[in-house]
Amino acid sequence: MKLTLPVKLAPSAEQSAALLATVERFNSACNAIAEVTHAKKCANKVELQKLVYYDTRERFGLSSQLTVRAISKVVEAYKRDKTIRPRFRPHGAVPYDQRIMSWKGVEAVSLLTLAGRQIIPTRLGSYQVARIDRRQGQADLILRDGTWFLYLTVDVPDPAPVEPEDYLGIDLGIVNIAADSDGVTYTGQQVEAKRQVLSHRRRNLQRNGSKSAKRKLRTLKGRQARYQSNENHRISKTVVGNAKATGRGIAVEALTGIRDRTTVRRRQRARHSNWSFAQLRAFLTYKAALAGIVLVAVDPRNTSKTCPECGHCDKRNRPTRDRFCCRSCGHAAPADTCAARNVRARAVVMRPMVSAA
């Protein structure tokens, strides 16, 4: 399995200035190349290189390989939508390959800049140290909130999954981020409370408009996303650990397009748009693959309305958001747990409806 591994760089002030100048010049060159690409309707890298290579090197002072990387970046962006001209941010990512990047052990990396080669120290955590020896191909140089990172591609061998006899069903939601068929609930109250606090703080700072308020706004940037990502990592790690300990697979709902199919009240829109089910699903997918656990997605229709005991389906089975009470057999339980049990049942019994994740 191929994973993206972020590696933090620790350049000096001079090295950081050299990196910044290189990134800005590189992306300026990309914008110039994009104009030619769109005008000529050329999505062939070889043909485009004949048109722009020498002019780009002369105008922007890029090295041969950085020019080639810029051309490749533009072509990849143009191929995604040939009806528009690609536009690149001044501090967009710069791809480095083996010709312009070399490692000095794992303590430092040599990167080509406009000021020549720079040997830049790295800062690795235990997670990076355990995987960096599996790095492959090129890396992307990224400036994020004033900090430099190299995003590497690493090839981590994943064990062959064993076909399970049973599944751990997972119901994904907004009030409860997840609930499993064993009755464990992962509440979203802390995530929502954090979102409301940060939203209120940002609104007050924006209304203030002072320089100090703007500085504070910059420090708050991305805090909610990082907090929510951490929660999704924590939940997915726990779910995969439970499934592995009991020898089961994991069954989740196929929620693609769910926002287009559902409507909410105005006061619930912010919470609904903040629902990061796709990120949690992605974390579950790759963590399950690394652990050798089968993960499948099932049809989510009526999982919250169907009784897991007798199979009776009726929207009146769910009198409130949190409670389930079957109108036929009288079975009562937390609604999200019942939905998770139905997800598990579909993965176990109705295998033709299951799609591999």
Protein backbone atom coordinates (compact mmCIF):
# COMPACT_ATOMS: atom_id res chain seq x y z
CA MET A 1 0.00 0.00 0.00
CA LYS A 2 1.24 3.46 -0.88
CA LEU A 3 0.94 6.10 1.84
CA THR A 4 1.86 9.77 2.05
CA LEU A 5 4.44 10.52 4.73
CA PRO A 6 4.93 14.16 5.82
CA VAL A 7 8.50 15.00 6.88
CA LYS A 8 9.11 18.29 8.67
CA LEU A 9 12.12 20.34 7.56
CA ALA A 10 14.16 22.65 9.77
CA PRO A 11 15.92 25.11 7.42
CA SER A 12 17.90 28.11 8.57
CA ALA A 13 16.61 31.58 7.77
CA GLU A 14 18.81 31.74 4.66
CA GLN A 15 17.72 28.28 3.52
CA SER A 16 14.05 29.13 4.09
CA ALA A 17 14.45 32.26 1.96
CA ALA A 18 16.05 30.18 -0.80
CA LEU A 19 13.22 27.65 -0.66
CA LEU A 20 10.59 30.39 -0.74
CA ALA A 21 12.18 32.10 -3.74
CA THR A 22 12.36 28.76 -5.56
CA VAL A 23 8.72 27.91 -4.84
CA GLU A 24 7.48 31.33 -5.99
CA ARG A 25 9.58 31.29 -9.15
CA PHE A 26 8.54 27.71 -9.93
CA ASN A 27 4.82 28.50 -9.66
CA SER A 28 5.23 31.67 -11.71
CA ALA A 29 6.79 29.52 -14.40
CA CYS A 30 3.88 27.08 -14.13
CA ASN A 31 1.38 29.90 -14.74
CA ALA A 32 3.33 31.04 -17.80
CA ILE A 33 3.49 27.48 -19.16
CA ALA A 34 -0.24 27.08 -18.49
CA GLU A 35 -1.01 30.01 -20.79
CA VAL A 36 0.77 28.26 -23.66
CA THR A 37 -0.81 24.93 -22.78
CA HIS A 38 -4.31 26.35 -22.87
CA ALA A 39 -3.69 28.45 -26.01
CA LYS A 40 -2.21 25.51 -27.93
CA LYS A 41 -4.58 22.92 -26.40
CA CYS A 42 -1.51 20.78 -25.80
CA ALA A 43 -1.75 18.02 -23.20
CA ASN A 44 1.29 16.11 -24.46
CA LYS A 45 4.28 16.66 -22.20
CA VAL A 46 6.87 15.96 -24.92
CA GLU A 47 5.28 18.36 -27.39
CA LEU A 48 4.77 21.03 -24.74
CA GLN A 49 8.39 20.78 -23.69
CA LYS A 50 9.46 21.60 -27.25
CA LEU A 51 7.34 24.75 -27.10
CA VAL A 52 8.25 26.19 -23.69
CA TYR A 53 11.46 24.61 -22.35
CA TYR A 54 14.09 27.11 -23.47
CA ASP A 55 11.89 30.17 -22.98
CA THR A 56 10.98 29.06 -19.44
CA ARG A 57 14.60 28.51 -18.46
CA GLU A 58 15.60 31.91 -19.80
CA ARG A 59 12.69 33.87 -18.30
CA PHE A 60 12.60 32.30 -14.85
CA GLY A 61 16.14 31.05 -14.32
CA LEU A 62 15.08 27.55 -13.38
CA SER A 63 17.39 24.58 -13.68
CA SER A 64 16.81 22.00 -16.39
CA GLN A 65 15.07 19.50 -14.13
CA LEU A 66 12.95 22.08 -12.29
CA THR A 67 11.74 23.26 -15.70
CA VAL A 68 10.84 19.70 -16.66
CA ARG A 69 9.00 19.26 -13.34
CA ALA A 70 7.07 22.50 -13.96
CA ILE A 71 5.99 21.30 -17.40
CA SER A 72 4.84 17.98 -15.95
CA LYS A 73 2.87 19.71 -13.19
CA VAL A 74 1.06 21.91 -15.71
CA VAL A 75 0.21 18.99 -17.99
CA GLU A 76 -1.20 16.96 -15.09
CA ALA A 77 -3.37 19.90 -14.01
CA TYR A 78 -4.53 20.64 -17.57
CA LYS A 79 -5.57 17.04 -18.20
CA ARG A 80 -8.01 17.21 -15.29
CA ASP A 81 -10.10 19.82 -17.10
CA LYS A 82 -9.06 20.93 -20.59
CA THR A 83 -11.75 23.62 -20.75
CA ILE A 84 -9.95 25.98 -18.38
CA ARG A 85 -6.44 27.30 -17.98
CA PRO A 86 -4.76 25.93 -14.84
CA ARG A 87 -3.79 28.51 -12.26
CA PHE A 88 -1.18 27.92 -9.58
CA ARG A 89 -0.88 29.56 -6.19
CA PRO A 90 2.39 31.40 -5.46
CA HIS A 91 3.23 28.91 -2.72
CA GLY A 92 1.93 25.77 -4.41
CA ALA A 93 3.77 22.46 -4.04
CA VAL A 94 7.02 21.87 -5.93
CA PRO A 95 7.70 18.23 -6.97
CA TYR A 96 11.26 17.04 -6.37
CA ASP A 97 12.66 13.88 -7.93
CA GLN A 98 15.97 12.01 -7.52
CA ARG A 99 17.81 14.41 -9.85
CA ILE A 100 17.20 17.46 -7.68
CA MET A 101 16.80 15.80 -4.27
CA SER A 102 19.07 13.43 -2.37
CA TRP A 103 18.96 12.14 1.19
CA LYS A 104 21.83 12.42 3.65
CA GLY A 105 20.81 9.52 5.84
CA VAL A 106 17.51 10.40 7.46
CA GLU A 107 18.85 13.43 9.32
CA ALA A 108 19.00 15.76 6.32
CA VAL A 109 17.96 16.14 2.70
CA SER A 110 19.66 18.00 -0.15
CA LEU A 111 17.30 20.11 -2.28
CA LEU A 112 18.12 22.15 -5.36
CA THR A 113 17.10 25.82 -5.09
CA LEU A 114 17.75 29.00 -7.06
CA ALA A 115 20.69 29.56 -4.69
CA GLY A 116 22.15 26.11 -5.36
CA ARG A 117 21.96 22.92 -3.34
CA GLN A 118 20.79 23.29 0.25
CA ILE A 119 21.34 20.55 2.85
CA ILE A 120 18.37 20.93 5.16
CA PRO A 121 17.92 19.10 8.50
CA THR A 122 14.78 17.02 9.03
CA ARG A 123 12.67 16.53 12.15
CA LEU A 124 11.31 12.99 12.31
CA GLY A 125 8.90 11.47 14.80
CA SER A 126 8.72 7.76 15.59
CA TYR A 127 6.01 7.29 12.93
CA GLN A 128 8.24 8.76 10.21
CA VAL A 129 11.38 6.93 11.40
CA ALA A 130 9.58 3.57 11.14
CA ARG A 131 8.56 4.17 7.51
CA ILE A 132 10.99 6.55 5.84
CA ASP A 133 13.27 3.73 4.64
CA ARG A 134 10.40 2.71 2.31
CA ARG A 135 10.29 6.05 0.50
CA GLN A 136 9.84 5.95 -3.25
CA GLY A 137 10.08 8.31 -6.21
CA GLN A 138 9.49 12.02 -5.96
CA ALA A 139 8.45 14.17 -3.02
CA ASP A 140 6.45 17.40 -2.85
CA LEU A 141 7.92 20.45 -1.12
CA ILE A 142 5.09 22.25 0.69
CA LEU A 143 4.93 25.40 2.81
CA ARG A 144 2.18 25.03 5.39
CA ASP A 145 1.50 27.77 7.93
CA GLY A 146 5.10 28.95 7.80
CA THR A 147 6.59 25.46 8.17
CA TRP A 148 8.31 23.50 5.41
CA PHE A 149 7.41 19.87 4.74
CA LEU A 150 8.39 17.19 2.27
CA TYR A 151 5.50 14.89 1.46
CA LEU A 152 6.94 11.50 0.51
CA THR A 153 5.34 8.43 -1.00
CA VAL A 154 6.14 5.28 0.97
CA ASP A 155 5.32 1.71 0.02
CA VAL A 156 4.14 -0.18 3.11
CA PRO A 157 3.48 -3.90 2.60
CA ASP A 158 0.02 -4.83 3.77
CA PRO A 159 -0.73 -8.42 4.80
CA ALA A 160 -3.11 -10.46 2.67
CA PRO A 161 -6.59 -10.07 4.17
CA VAL A 162 -8.28 -13.18 5.54
CA GLU A 163 -11.92 -13.65 4.57
CA PRO A 164 -13.82 -13.19 7.86
CA GLU A 165 -16.82 -15.15 9.06
CA ASP A 166 -18.28 -12.15 10.82
CA TYR A 167 -18.17 -8.35 10.60
CA LEU A 168 -18.14 -5.41 12.96
CA GLY A 169 -20.86 -3.10 11.68
CA ILE A 170 -20.22 0.65 11.80
CA ASP A 171 -22.95 3.29 11.56
CA LEU A 172 -21.61 6.77 10.72
CA GLY A 173 -23.46 9.85 11.88
CA ILE A 174 -23.30 13.48 12.94
CA VAL A 175 -24.46 13.47 16.57
CA ASN A 176 -22.56 10.24 17.13
CA ILE A 177 -19.56 10.13 14.80
CA ALA A 178 -19.72 6.34 14.80
CA ALA A 179 -21.51 3.49 16.55
CA ASP A 180 -20.64 -0.19 16.21
CA SER A 181 -22.72 -3.33 16.32
CA ASP A 182 -21.23 -4.25 19.72
CA GLY A 183 -22.96 -1.23 21.27
CA VAL A 184 -19.94 1.07 21.49
CA THR A 185 -20.71 4.69 20.62
CA TYR A 186 -18.19 7.36 19.62
CA THR A 187 -19.93 10.63 20.39
CA GLY A 188 -19.47 13.78 18.38
CA GLN A 189 -20.35 16.14 21.25
CA GLN A 190 -16.75 17.27 21.81
CA VAL A 191 -16.22 17.88 18.09
CA GLU A 192 -19.40 19.94 17.85
CA ALA A 193 -18.58 21.89 21.03
CA LYS A 194 -15.12 22.67 19.63
CA ARG A 195 -16.64 23.77 16.31
CA GLN A 196 -19.09 26.12 18.03
CA VAL A 197 -16.41 27.67 20.26
CA LEU A 198 -14.01 28.27 17.36
CA SER A 199 -16.78 29.52 15.08
CA HIS A 200 -17.92 32.03 17.73
CA ARG A 201 -14.32 33.15 18.34
CA ARG A 202 -13.61 33.63 14.63
CA ARG A 203 -16.81 35.62 14.16
CA ASN A 204 -15.95 38.01 17.01
CA LEU A 205 -12.38 38.48 15.77
CA GLN A 206 -13.58 39.17 12.22
CA ARG A 207 -15.98 41.79 13.53
CA ASN A 208 -13.18 43.42 15.51
CA GLY A 209 -10.91 43.75 12.48
CA SER A 210 -7.85 45.02 14.38
CA LYS A 211 -4.30 43.91 13.60
CA SER A 212 -4.12 41.85 16.77
CA ALA A 213 -7.46 40.22 15.90
CA LYS A 214 -6.13 39.31 12.46
CA ARG A 215 -3.00 37.80 14.03
CA LYS A 216 -5.20 35.72 16.32
CA LEU A 217 -7.30 34.61 13.35
CA ARG A 218 -4.15 33.30 11.68
CA THR A 219 -3.32 31.23 14.75
CA LEU A 220 -6.83 29.73 14.70
CA LYS A 221 -6.57 28.75 11.04
CA GLY A 222 -7.04 25.02 10.59
CA ARG A 223 -7.42 24.28 14.29
CA GLN A 224 -10.89 22.77 13.89
CA ALA A 225 -9.79 20.62 10.96
CA ARG A 226 -6.75 19.33 12.88
CA TYR A 227 -8.85 18.54 15.94
CA GLN A 228 -11.44 16.71 13.90
CA SER A 229 -8.79 14.80 11.97
CA ASN A 230 -7.23 13.69 15.26
CA GLU A 231 -10.61 12.45 16.50
CA ASN A 232 -11.17 10.48 13.28
CA HIS A 233 -7.71 8.93 13.61
CA ARG A 234 -8.46 7.95 17.20
CA ILE A 235 -11.85 6.41 16.36
CA SER A 236 -10.59 4.53 13.29
CA LYS A 237 -7.63 3.14 15.24
CA THR A 238 -9.94 1.87 17.99
CA VAL A 239 -12.41 0.31 15.52
CA VAL A 240 -9.68 -1.48 13.56
CA GLY A 241 -8.10 -2.69 16.80
CA ASN A 242 -11.43 -4.13 18.00
CA ALA A 243 -12.03 -5.88 14.68
CA LYS A 244 -8.53 -7.36 14.62
CA ALA A 245 -8.74 -8.57 18.22
CA THR A 246 -11.96 -10.48 17.45
CA GLY A 247 -11.00 -11.76 13.99
CA ARG A 248 -13.79 -9.87 12.21
CA GLY A 249 -14.01 -7.70 9.13
CA ILE A 250 -15.43 -4.18 9.15
CA ALA A 251 -18.68 -3.20 7.44
CA VAL A 252 -19.52 0.47 6.80
CA GLU A 253 -22.26 2.35 4.96
CA ALA A 254 -21.65 3.54 1.40
CA LEU A 255 -22.52 7.21 1.99
CA THR A 256 -21.26 8.68 -1.30
CA GLY A 257 -23.50 11.58 -2.30
CA ILE A 258 -25.34 11.62 1.03
CA ARG A 259 -25.28 15.44 1.27
CA ASP A 260 -27.05 15.72 -2.09
CA ARG A 261 -29.75 13.31 -0.95
CA THR A 262 -30.47 14.87 2.43
CA THR A 263 -31.73 18.23 3.64
CA VAL A 264 -31.42 19.80 7.08
CA ARG A 265 -32.83 22.83 8.87
CA ARG A 266 -30.97 26.10 8.57
CA ARG A 267 -29.54 25.99 12.08
CA GLN A 268 -28.12 22.52 11.37
CA ARG A 269 -26.38 23.42 8.09
CA ALA A 270 -23.00 24.24 9.62
CA ARG A 271 -22.91 21.00 11.56
CA HIS A 272 -24.05 19.03 8.53
CA SER A 273 -21.38 20.55 6.26
CA ASN A 274 -18.78 19.88 8.95
CA TRP A 275 -19.58 16.14 8.90
CA SER A 276 -16.31 14.44 7.91
CA PHE A 277 -17.61 10.92 7.25
CA ALA A 278 -15.47 10.59 4.10
CA GLN A 279 -12.29 11.26 6.06
CA LEU A 280 -13.24 8.70 8.72
CA ARG A 281 -14.05 6.18 5.99
CA ALA A 282 -10.65 6.82 4.36
CA PHE A 283 -8.86 6.35 7.69
CA LEU A 284 -10.73 3.11 8.32
CA THR A 285 -9.89 1.86 4.82
CA TYR A 286 -6.14 2.27 4.98
CA LYS A 287 -5.79 1.23 8.63
CA ALA A 288 -7.80 -1.92 7.93
CA ALA A 289 -5.63 -2.73 4.90
CA LEU A 290 -2.45 -2.32 6.96
CA ALA A 291 -3.88 -4.67 9.60
CA GLY A 292 -4.99 -7.28 7.04
CA ILE A 293 -8.69 -6.73 7.76
CA VAL A 294 -11.39 -6.88 5.11
CA LEU A 295 -13.47 -3.70 4.91
CA VAL A 296 -16.68 -3.67 2.87
CA ALA A 297 -19.34 -1.04 2.14
CA VAL A 298 -23.04 -1.89 2.11
CA ASP A 299 -26.20 -0.16 0.94
CA PRO A 300 -27.26 2.22 3.75
CA ARG A 301 -30.94 2.40 2.79
CA ASN A 302 -33.34 1.87 5.72
CA THR A 303 -30.63 0.71 8.13
CA SER A 304 -31.98 3.18 10.71
CA LYS A 305 -35.63 2.12 10.20
CA THR A 306 -35.26 -1.66 10.18
CA CYS A 307 -35.49 -3.81 13.29
CA PRO A 308 -32.33 -5.94 13.68
CA GLU A 309 -34.35 -8.61 15.52
CA CYS A 310 -37.41 -9.21 13.32
CA GLY A 311 -36.58 -7.25 10.15
CA HIS A 312 -39.67 -5.03 10.29
CA CYS A 313 -39.04 -1.75 8.43
CA ASP A 314 -41.07 1.31 9.36
CA LYS A 315 -40.07 4.94 9.87
CA ARG A 316 -42.20 4.91 13.04
CA ASN A 317 -39.73 2.41 14.50
CA ARG A 318 -37.60 5.42 15.34
CA PRO A 319 -39.74 7.77 17.45
CA THR A 320 -36.74 9.99 18.28
CA ARG A 321 -33.27 10.47 16.89
CA ASP A 322 -31.66 8.46 19.69
CA ARG A 323 -34.21 5.72 20.36
CA PHE A 324 -35.39 2.75 18.32
CA CYS A 325 -38.55 0.85 19.22
CA CYS A 326 -39.90 -1.76 16.81
CA ARG A 327 -43.64 -1.44 16.09
CA SER A 328 -43.82 -5.16 15.39
CA CYS A 329 -41.79 -7.05 18.02
CA GLY A 330 -41.20 -4.29 20.57
CA HIS A 331 -37.39 -4.47 20.43
CA ALA A 332 -35.92 -1.27 21.89
CA ALA A 333 -32.32 -0.07 21.81
CA PRO A 334 -30.19 2.95 20.89
CA ALA A 335 -30.99 3.85 17.28
CA ASP A 336 -27.39 4.05 16.09
CA THR A 337 -26.56 0.64 17.54
CA CYS A 338 -29.54 -0.89 15.71
CA ALA A 339 -28.37 0.71 12.46
CA ALA A 340 -24.85 -0.69 13.00
CA ARG A 341 -26.31 -4.17 13.59
CA ASN A 342 -28.20 -3.89 10.30
CA VAL A 343 -24.99 -2.86 8.52
CA ARG A 344 -23.27 -5.93 9.97
CA ALA A 345 -26.17 -8.19 8.92
CA ARG A 346 -26.02 -6.98 5.33
CA ALA A 347 -22.30 -7.69 5.16
CA VAL A 348 -22.71 -11.18 6.61
CA VAL A 349 -25.95 -12.41 5.02
CA MET A 350 -26.48 -10.38 1.87
CA ARG A 351 -23.01 -10.69 0.36
CA PRO A 352 -24.16 -9.96 -3.23
CA MET A 353 -25.05 -6.42 -2.04
CA VAL A 354 -21.56 -5.88 -0.60
CA SER A 355 -18.93 -3.88 -2.44
CA ALA A 356 -15.27 -4.12 -1.55
CA ALA A 357 -13.97 -0.84 -0.14
